[in-house]
Amino acid sequence: MKLINVAGPPSSGKTSVILRLVESMKEKGRVGVVKFDCLTSFDNLSYEEAGIPVQIGFSGKICPDHFFVSNIEDAVQWGMQSGFEMLITESAGLCNRCSPYIKGILSVCVIDNLSGINTPRKIGPMLKYADIVVVTKGDIVSQAEREVFAFNITQVNPTAQIVFVNGITGQGAFILSKHLQQARDIGTTRDMKLRFTTPAAVCSYCTGETRIGESYQMGMMKKMEFGKR
């Protein structure tokens, strides 16, 4: 079974890209999706309407990256037992520090051309370590903006394949499907490693503290330095 990790910021068009992608791959075998989210999601309705088997999980108060790493092996085993040719995992809308990729597993970052031409330079491991960068909503901006956006992606990740996909019409999805055929077959993710460390999550606020003040701040904390006026 081929495993594909799809990640990206909130509302970048991840679900729409996956729906158009699976639509263009109907002859390639059975495809399943595991959607990781934070609090709530209605994406499962879109997948079910399209006839795509889907499982959905909510991280709640846990960091979405940590939740992903804790559940990815179970997701893979579900995919194997279901007889999928390909399993696609979709991340929650992640922050710019998130790092949801696994070494040896094809990784796709979906970003929105409307988010600003400098956005690629603000995204960390999620963009830098992706194999493929999918740009959505490029049809709404000018050609010049698309080119500057793509250039800024190459400044962060010079080796990634950049594919423009229209999540409404599906334009570009077939090209993306061709790139995904390079993904290798796996039977487990056990003993594999992440491409980059996940965000730290061992402070007092991670364990439920809500009070503000230095006396309540314990564990791994990071403080800003403010110069005197």
C-alpha atoms as a PDB file:
ATOM      1  CA  MET A   1       0.000   0.000   0.000  1.00  0.00           C
ATOM      2  CA  LYS A   2       1.205   3.483  -0.855  1.00  0.00           C
ATOM      3  CA  LEU A   3       1.047   6.066   1.959  1.00  0.00           C
ATOM      4  CA  ILE A   4       0.780   9.790   1.203  1.00  0.00           C
ATOM      5  CA  ASN A   5       0.974  12.503   3.886  1.00  0.00           C
ATOM      6  CA  VAL A   6      -0.911  15.700   2.990  1.00  0.00           C
ATOM      7  CA  ALA A   7      -0.517  18.720   5.259  1.00  0.00           C
ATOM      8  CA  GLY A   8      -1.044  22.462   5.139  1.00  0.00           C
ATOM      9  CA  PRO A   9      -2.291  25.574   6.940  1.00  0.00           C
ATOM     10  CA  PRO A  10      -6.010  26.043   7.737  1.00  0.00           C
ATOM     11  CA  SER A  11      -8.379  26.500   4.781  1.00  0.00           C
ATOM     12  CA  SER A  12      -5.626  26.035   2.201  1.00  0.00           C
ATOM     13  CA  GLY A  13      -7.773  23.585   0.221  1.00  0.00           C
ATOM     14  CA  LYS A  14      -6.381  20.221   1.371  1.00  0.00           C
ATOM     15  CA  THR A  15      -9.694  18.361   1.243  1.00  0.00           C
ATOM     16  CA  SER A  16     -10.649  19.786  -2.152  1.00  0.00           C
ATOM     17  CA  VAL A  17      -7.266  18.795  -3.585  1.00  0.00           C
ATOM     18  CA  ILE A  18      -7.604  15.228  -2.259  1.00  0.00           C
ATOM     19  CA  LEU A  19     -11.152  14.915  -3.628  1.00  0.00           C
ATOM     20  CA  ARG A  20     -10.070  16.056  -7.097  1.00  0.00           C
ATOM     21  CA  LEU A  21      -6.974  13.852  -6.863  1.00  0.00           C
ATOM     22  CA  VAL A  22      -8.916  10.676  -6.038  1.00  0.00           C
ATOM     23  CA  GLU A  23     -11.391  11.537  -8.789  1.00  0.00           C
ATOM     24  CA  SER A  24      -8.543  11.536 -11.313  1.00  0.00           C
ATOM     25  CA  MET A  25      -7.190   8.207 -10.001  1.00  0.00           C
ATOM     26  CA  LYS A  26     -10.299   6.031 -10.151  1.00  0.00           C
ATOM     27  CA  GLU A  27      -8.574   3.451 -12.346  1.00  0.00           C
ATOM     28  CA  LYS A  28      -5.555   3.203 -10.021  1.00  0.00           C
ATOM     29  CA  GLY A  29      -7.273   1.111  -7.324  1.00  0.00           C
ATOM     30  CA  ARG A  30      -9.048   1.682  -4.039  1.00  0.00           C
ATOM     31  CA  VAL A  31      -8.056   4.793  -2.074  1.00  0.00           C
ATOM     32  CA  GLY A  32      -8.834   5.573   1.578  1.00  0.00           C
ATOM     33  CA  VAL A  33      -8.396   8.735   3.637  1.00  0.00           C
ATOM     34  CA  VAL A  34      -7.604   9.353   7.301  1.00  0.00           C
ATOM     35  CA  LYS A  35      -8.429  12.884   8.387  1.00  0.00           C
ATOM     36  CA  PHE A  36      -6.673  14.250  11.474  1.00  0.00           C
ATOM     37  CA  ASP A  37      -8.290  17.387  12.898  1.00  0.00           C
ATOM     38  CA  CYS A  38      -8.378  19.411  16.096  1.00  0.00           C
ATOM     39  CA  LEU A  39     -11.900  20.101  17.367  1.00  0.00           C
ATOM     40  CA  THR A  40     -14.465  19.399  14.677  1.00  0.00           C
ATOM     41  CA  SER A  41     -14.694  18.652  10.978  1.00  0.00           C
ATOM     42  CA  PHE A  42     -17.279  18.201   8.265  1.00  0.00           C
ATOM     43  CA  ASP A  43     -14.776  16.947   5.690  1.00  0.00           C
ATOM     44  CA  ASN A  44     -15.902  13.365   6.285  1.00  0.00           C
ATOM     45  CA  LEU A  45     -19.238  14.288   4.700  1.00  0.00           C
ATOM     46  CA  SER A  46     -17.469  15.387   1.510  1.00  0.00           C
ATOM     47  CA  TYR A  47     -15.449  12.169   1.383  1.00  0.00           C
ATOM     48  CA  GLU A  48     -18.476   9.975   2.059  1.00  0.00           C
ATOM     49  CA  GLU A  49     -20.477  11.781  -0.628  1.00  0.00           C
ATOM     50  CA  ALA A  50     -17.666  11.019  -3.079  1.00  0.00           C
ATOM     51  CA  GLY A  51     -17.678   7.345  -2.024  1.00  0.00           C
ATOM     52  CA  ILE A  52     -14.231   7.519  -0.428  1.00  0.00           C
ATOM     53  CA  PRO A  53     -13.718   5.419   2.746  1.00  0.00           C
ATOM     54  CA  VAL A  54     -12.670   7.773   5.553  1.00  0.00           C
ATOM     55  CA  GLN A  55     -11.724   7.699   9.215  1.00  0.00           C
ATOM     56  CA  ILE A  56     -11.559  10.890  11.253  1.00  0.00           C
ATOM     57  CA  GLY A  57      -9.839  11.658  14.554  1.00  0.00           C
ATOM     58  CA  PHE A  58      -9.728  14.766  16.748  1.00  0.00           C
ATOM     59  CA  SER A  59      -6.638  15.756  18.727  1.00  0.00           C
ATOM     60  CA  GLY A  60      -8.581  17.964  21.165  1.00  0.00           C
ATOM     61  CA  LYS A  61      -6.121  19.655  23.489  1.00  0.00           C
ATOM     62  CA  ILE A  62      -3.192  17.594  22.188  1.00  0.00           C
ATOM     63  CA  CYS A  63      -0.794  19.081  19.613  1.00  0.00           C
ATOM     64  CA  PRO A  64      -1.975  17.868  16.161  1.00  0.00           C
ATOM     65  CA  ASP A  65       1.550  16.727  15.264  1.00  0.00           C
ATOM     66  CA  HIS A  66       1.851  14.614  18.408  1.00  0.00           C
ATOM     67  CA  PHE A  67      -1.623  13.193  17.762  1.00  0.00           C
ATOM     68  CA  PHE A  68      -0.620  12.291  14.196  1.00  0.00           C
ATOM     69  CA  VAL A  69       2.564  10.505  15.246  1.00  0.00           C
ATOM     70  CA  SER A  70       0.688   8.577  17.952  1.00  0.00           C
ATOM     71  CA  ASN A  71      -1.943   7.294  15.525  1.00  0.00           C
ATOM     72  CA  ILE A  72      -0.275   6.929  12.129  1.00  0.00           C
ATOM     73  CA  GLU A  73       0.636   3.250  12.577  1.00  0.00           C
ATOM     74  CA  ASP A  74      -2.962   2.375  13.511  1.00  0.00           C
ATOM     75  CA  ALA A  75      -4.095   4.317  10.432  1.00  0.00           C
ATOM     76  CA  VAL A  76      -1.742   2.318   8.216  1.00  0.00           C
ATOM     77  CA  GLN A  77      -2.982  -0.975   9.637  1.00  0.00           C
ATOM     78  CA  TRP A  78      -6.586   0.106   8.988  1.00  0.00           C
ATOM     79  CA  GLY A  79      -5.627   0.849   5.402  1.00  0.00           C
ATOM     80  CA  MET A  80      -3.913  -2.522   4.997  1.00  0.00           C
ATOM     81  CA  GLN A  81      -6.876  -4.417   6.450  1.00  0.00           C
ATOM     82  CA  SER A  82      -9.258  -2.481   4.179  1.00  0.00           C
ATOM     83  CA  GLY A  83      -7.277  -3.512   1.103  1.00  0.00           C
ATOM     84  CA  PHE A  84      -6.452  -0.015  -0.125  1.00  0.00           C
ATOM     85  CA  GLU A  85      -3.961   0.532  -2.923  1.00  0.00           C
ATOM     86  CA  MET A  86      -3.267   3.975  -1.467  1.00  0.00           C
ATOM     87  CA  LEU A  87      -3.919   5.624   1.900  1.00  0.00           C
ATOM     88  CA  ILE A  88      -3.893   9.422   2.118  1.00  0.00           C
ATOM     89  CA  THR A  89      -3.603  11.141   5.491  1.00  0.00           C
ATOM     90  CA  GLU A  90      -4.866  14.709   5.739  1.00  0.00           C
ATOM     91  CA  SER A  91      -3.571  16.880   8.554  1.00  0.00           C
ATOM     92  CA  ALA A  92      -5.478  19.424  10.574  1.00  0.00           C
ATOM     93  CA  GLY A  93      -4.911  23.058   9.648  1.00  0.00           C
ATOM     94  CA  LEU A  94      -1.403  23.338  11.049  1.00  0.00           C
ATOM     95  CA  CYS A  95       0.757  26.160  12.365  1.00  0.00           C
ATOM     96  CA  ASN A  96       3.948  27.208  10.579  1.00  0.00           C
ATOM     97  CA  ARG A  97       6.155  25.224  12.991  1.00  0.00           C
ATOM     98  CA  CYS A  98       4.408  21.874  12.537  1.00  0.00           C
ATOM     99  CA  SER A  99       6.361  18.976  11.033  1.00  0.00           C
ATOM    100  CA  PRO A 100       4.012  16.133  10.054  1.00  0.00           C
ATOM    101  CA  TYR A 101       6.246  14.203   7.619  1.00  0.00           C
ATOM    102  CA  ILE A 102       7.915  10.793   7.824  1.00  0.00           C
ATOM    103  CA  LYS A 103      11.221   9.844   6.223  1.00  0.00           C
ATOM    104  CA  GLY A 104      10.625   7.664   3.181  1.00  0.00           C
ATOM    105  CA  ILE A 105       6.922   8.563   2.895  1.00  0.00           C
ATOM    106  CA  LEU A 106       5.834  10.872   0.075  1.00  0.00           C
ATOM    107  CA  SER A 107       4.811  14.192   1.614  1.00  0.00           C
ATOM    108  CA  VAL A 108       2.634  16.913   0.123  1.00  0.00           C
ATOM    109  CA  CYS A 109       2.237  20.465   1.425  1.00  0.00           C
ATOM    110  CA  VAL A 110      -0.854  22.393   0.284  1.00  0.00           C
ATOM    111  CA  ILE A 111      -0.673  26.174   0.467  1.00  0.00           C
ATOM    112  CA  ASP A 112      -2.971  28.931  -0.693  1.00  0.00           C
ATOM    113  CA  ASN A 113      -1.832  31.497  -3.274  1.00  0.00           C
ATOM    114  CA  LEU A 114      -4.147  34.067  -1.640  1.00  0.00           C
ATOM    115  CA  SER A 115      -2.321  33.867   1.694  1.00  0.00           C
ATOM    116  CA  GLY A 116       0.308  36.402   0.557  1.00  0.00           C
ATOM    117  CA  ILE A 117       3.371  36.179  -1.656  1.00  0.00           C
ATOM    118  CA  ASN A 118       5.710  36.009   1.361  1.00  0.00           C
ATOM    119  CA  THR A 119       3.814  33.177   3.070  1.00  0.00           C
ATOM    120  CA  PRO A 120       6.202  30.428   1.837  1.00  0.00           C
ATOM    121  CA  ARG A 121       9.052  32.143   3.687  1.00  0.00           C
ATOM    122  CA  LYS A 122       7.026  32.068   6.920  1.00  0.00           C
ATOM    123  CA  ILE A 123       6.287  28.341   6.851  1.00  0.00           C
ATOM    124  CA  GLY A 124       8.848  26.069   8.492  1.00  0.00           C
ATOM    125  CA  PRO A 125       9.368  22.283   8.246  1.00  0.00           C
ATOM    126  CA  MET A 126       5.897  21.699   6.785  1.00  0.00           C
ATOM    127  CA  LEU A 127       7.032  23.358   3.547  1.00  0.00           C
ATOM    128  CA  LYS A 128      10.796  22.893   3.737  1.00  0.00           C
ATOM    129  CA  TYR A 129      10.656  19.098   3.995  1.00  0.00           C
ATOM    130  CA  ALA A 130       7.791  18.429   1.555  1.00  0.00           C
ATOM    131  CA  ASP A 131       8.401  16.404  -1.604  1.00  0.00           C
ATOM    132  CA  ILE A 132       5.572  18.134  -3.474  1.00  0.00           C
ATOM    133  CA  VAL A 133       4.101  21.593  -2.887  1.00  0.00           C
ATOM    134  CA  VAL A 134       0.557  22.042  -4.170  1.00  0.00           C
ATOM    135  CA  VAL A 135      -0.551  25.644  -4.693  1.00  0.00           C
ATOM    136  CA  THR A 136      -4.296  26.307  -4.673  1.00  0.00           C
ATOM    137  CA  LYS A 137      -6.399  29.307  -5.738  1.00  0.00           C
ATOM    138  CA  GLY A 138      -3.769  30.350  -8.255  1.00  0.00           C
ATOM    139  CA  ASP A 139      -6.540  31.088 -10.753  1.00  0.00           C
ATOM    140  CA  ILE A 140      -7.635  34.085  -8.657  1.00  0.00           C
ATOM    141  CA  VAL A 141      -4.297  35.930  -8.733  1.00  0.00           C
ATOM    142  CA  SER A 142      -2.243  37.301 -11.612  1.00  0.00           C
ATOM    143  CA  GLN A 143       0.450  35.376 -13.463  1.00  0.00           C
ATOM    144  CA  ALA A 144       3.085  37.636 -11.894  1.00  0.00           C
ATOM    145  CA  GLU A 145       1.843  36.813  -8.386  1.00  0.00           C
ATOM    146  CA  ARG A 146       1.886  33.083  -9.170  1.00  0.00           C
ATOM    147  CA  GLU A 147       5.468  33.303 -10.378  1.00  0.00           C
ATOM    148  CA  VAL A 148       6.647  35.271  -7.332  1.00  0.00           C
ATOM    149  CA  PHE A 149       4.829  32.828  -5.043  1.00  0.00           C
ATOM    150  CA  ALA A 150       6.456  29.856  -6.776  1.00  0.00           C
ATOM    151  CA  PHE A 151       9.873  31.550  -6.585  1.00  0.00           C
ATOM    152  CA  ASN A 152       9.477  32.046  -2.829  1.00  0.00           C
ATOM    153  CA  ILE A 153       8.636  28.349  -2.494  1.00  0.00           C
ATOM    154  CA  THR A 154      11.870  27.407  -4.266  1.00  0.00           C
ATOM    155  CA  GLN A 155      13.800  29.699  -1.917  1.00  0.00           C
ATOM    156  CA  VAL A 156      12.560  27.619   1.026  1.00  0.00           C
ATOM    157  CA  ASN A 157      12.499  24.201  -0.659  1.00  0.00           C
ATOM    158  CA  PRO A 158      14.537  24.116  -3.885  1.00  0.00           C
ATOM    159  CA  THR A 159      14.009  20.379  -4.515  1.00  0.00           C
ATOM    160  CA  ALA A 160      10.198  20.194  -4.210  1.00  0.00           C
ATOM    161  CA  GLN A 161       7.938  19.680  -7.203  1.00  0.00           C
ATOM    162  CA  ILE A 162       5.469  22.589  -7.441  1.00  0.00           C
ATOM    163  CA  VAL A 163       2.011  21.784  -8.810  1.00  0.00           C
ATOM    164  CA  PHE A 164      -0.828  24.284  -9.208  1.00  0.00           C
ATOM    165  CA  VAL A 165      -4.198  22.621  -8.580  1.00  0.00           C
ATOM    166  CA  ASN A 166      -7.684  24.092  -8.872  1.00  0.00           C
ATOM    167  CA  GLY A 167      -9.765  22.510  -6.115  1.00  0.00           C
ATOM    168  CA  ILE A 168     -13.035  23.351  -7.898  1.00  0.00           C
ATOM    169  CA  THR A 169     -12.375  22.302 -11.489  1.00  0.00           C
ATOM    170  CA  GLY A 170      -9.684  19.719 -10.725  1.00  0.00           C
ATOM    171  CA  GLN A 171      -7.205  21.273 -13.135  1.00  0.00           C
ATOM    172  CA  GLY A 172      -3.725  20.055 -12.207  1.00  0.00           C
ATOM    173  CA  ALA A 173      -4.974  17.028 -10.217  1.00  0.00           C
ATOM    174  CA  PHE A 174      -3.975  14.569 -12.960  1.00  0.00           C
ATOM    175  CA  ILE A 175      -0.421  15.923 -12.983  1.00  0.00           C
ATOM    176  CA  LEU A 176      -0.333  15.578  -9.197  1.00  0.00           C
ATOM    177  CA  SER A 177      -1.534  11.964  -9.451  1.00  0.00           C
ATOM    178  CA  LYS A 178       1.409  11.193 -11.754  1.00  0.00           C
ATOM    179  CA  HIS A 179       3.839  12.510  -9.125  1.00  0.00           C
ATOM    180  CA  LEU A 180       2.201  10.355  -6.438  1.00  0.00           C
ATOM    181  CA  GLN A 181       2.932   7.168  -8.355  1.00  0.00           C
ATOM    182  CA  GLN A 182       6.545   7.479  -7.179  1.00  0.00           C
ATOM    183  CA  ALA A 183       5.444   6.705  -3.597  1.00  0.00           C
ATOM    184  CA  ARG A 184       6.805   3.394  -2.385  1.00  0.00           C
ATOM    185  CA  ASP A 185       4.700   0.545  -1.013  1.00  0.00           C
ATOM    186  CA  ILE A 186       4.822  -0.039   2.735  1.00  0.00           C
ATOM    187  CA  GLY A 187       3.259  -2.406   5.239  1.00  0.00           C
ATOM    188  CA  THR A 188       4.031  -0.501   8.422  1.00  0.00           C
ATOM    189  CA  THR A 189       5.498   2.756   9.717  1.00  0.00           C
ATOM    190  CA  ARG A 190       6.956   1.089  12.795  1.00  0.00           C
ATOM    191  CA  ASP A 191      10.575   2.175  13.465  1.00  0.00           C
ATOM    192  CA  MET A 192      10.397   4.884  10.781  1.00  0.00           C
ATOM    193  CA  LYS A 193      11.445   8.393  11.783  1.00  0.00           C
ATOM    194  CA  LEU A 194      10.015  11.865  11.358  1.00  0.00           C
ATOM    195  CA  ARG A 195      11.820  14.182   8.953  1.00  0.00           C
ATOM    196  CA  PHE A 196      11.996  16.864  11.654  1.00  0.00           C
ATOM    197  CA  THR A 197      11.131  17.139  15.326  1.00  0.00           C
ATOM    198  CA  THR A 198       7.589  18.065  16.339  1.00  0.00           C
ATOM    199  CA  PRO A 199       6.937  21.243  18.370  1.00  0.00           C
ATOM    200  CA  ALA A 200       7.880  20.910  22.036  1.00  0.00           C
ATOM    201  CA  ALA A 201       4.941  20.150  24.330  1.00  0.00           C
ATOM    202  CA  VAL A 202       6.167  19.668  27.882  1.00  0.00           C
ATOM    203  CA  CYS A 203       5.202  22.826  29.769  1.00  0.00           C
ATOM    204  CA  SER A 204       2.648  23.432  32.532  1.00  0.00           C
ATOM    205  CA  TYR A 205       0.114  24.776  30.020  1.00  0.00           C
ATOM    206  CA  CYS A 206       0.301  21.488  28.121  1.00  0.00           C
ATOM    207  CA  THR A 207      -0.951  19.695  31.223  1.00  0.00           C
ATOM    208  CA  GLY A 208      -3.943  21.944  31.830  1.00  0.00           C
ATOM    209  CA  GLU A 209      -2.627  25.045  33.633  1.00  0.00           C
ATOM    210  CA  THR A 210      -4.678  28.163  32.810  1.00  0.00           C
ATOM    211  CA  ARG A 211      -3.291  30.778  35.209  1.00  0.00           C
ATOM    212  CA  ILE A 212      -0.927  33.445  33.872  1.00  0.00           C
ATOM    213  CA  GLY A 213       2.313  34.395  35.609  1.00  0.00           C
ATOM    214  CA  GLU A 214       5.886  33.170  36.053  1.00  0.00           C
ATOM    215  CA  SER A 215       5.039  31.214  39.195  1.00  0.00           C
ATOM    216  CA  TYR A 216       2.716  29.006  37.137  1.00  0.00           C
ATOM    217  CA  GLN A 217       5.103  28.472  34.239  1.00  0.00           C
ATOM    218  CA  MET A 218       7.087  25.241  34.476  1.00  0.00           C
ATOM    219  CA  GLY A 219       8.781  22.878  32.070  1.00  0.00           C
ATOM    220  CA  MET A 220      10.017  23.892  28.627  1.00  0.00           C
ATOM    221  CA  MET A 221       9.229  27.597  28.332  1.00  0.00           C
ATOM    222  CA  LYS A 222      10.607  30.268  26.009  1.00  0.00           C
ATOM    223  CA  LYS A 223      10.599  33.947  27.014  1.00  0.00           C
ATOM    224  CA  MET A 224      11.010  37.024  24.846  1.00  0.00           C
ATOM    225  CA  GLU A 225      13.561  39.700  25.609  1.00  0.00           C
ATOM    226  CA  PHE A 226      12.160  43.231  25.627  1.00  0.00           C
ATOM    227  CA  GLY A 227      14.686  46.073  25.373  1.00  0.00           C
ATOM    228  CA  LYS A 228      14.325  49.093  27.634  1.00  0.00           C
ATOM    229  CA  ARG A 229      13.033  52.302  26.070  1.00  0.00           C
END
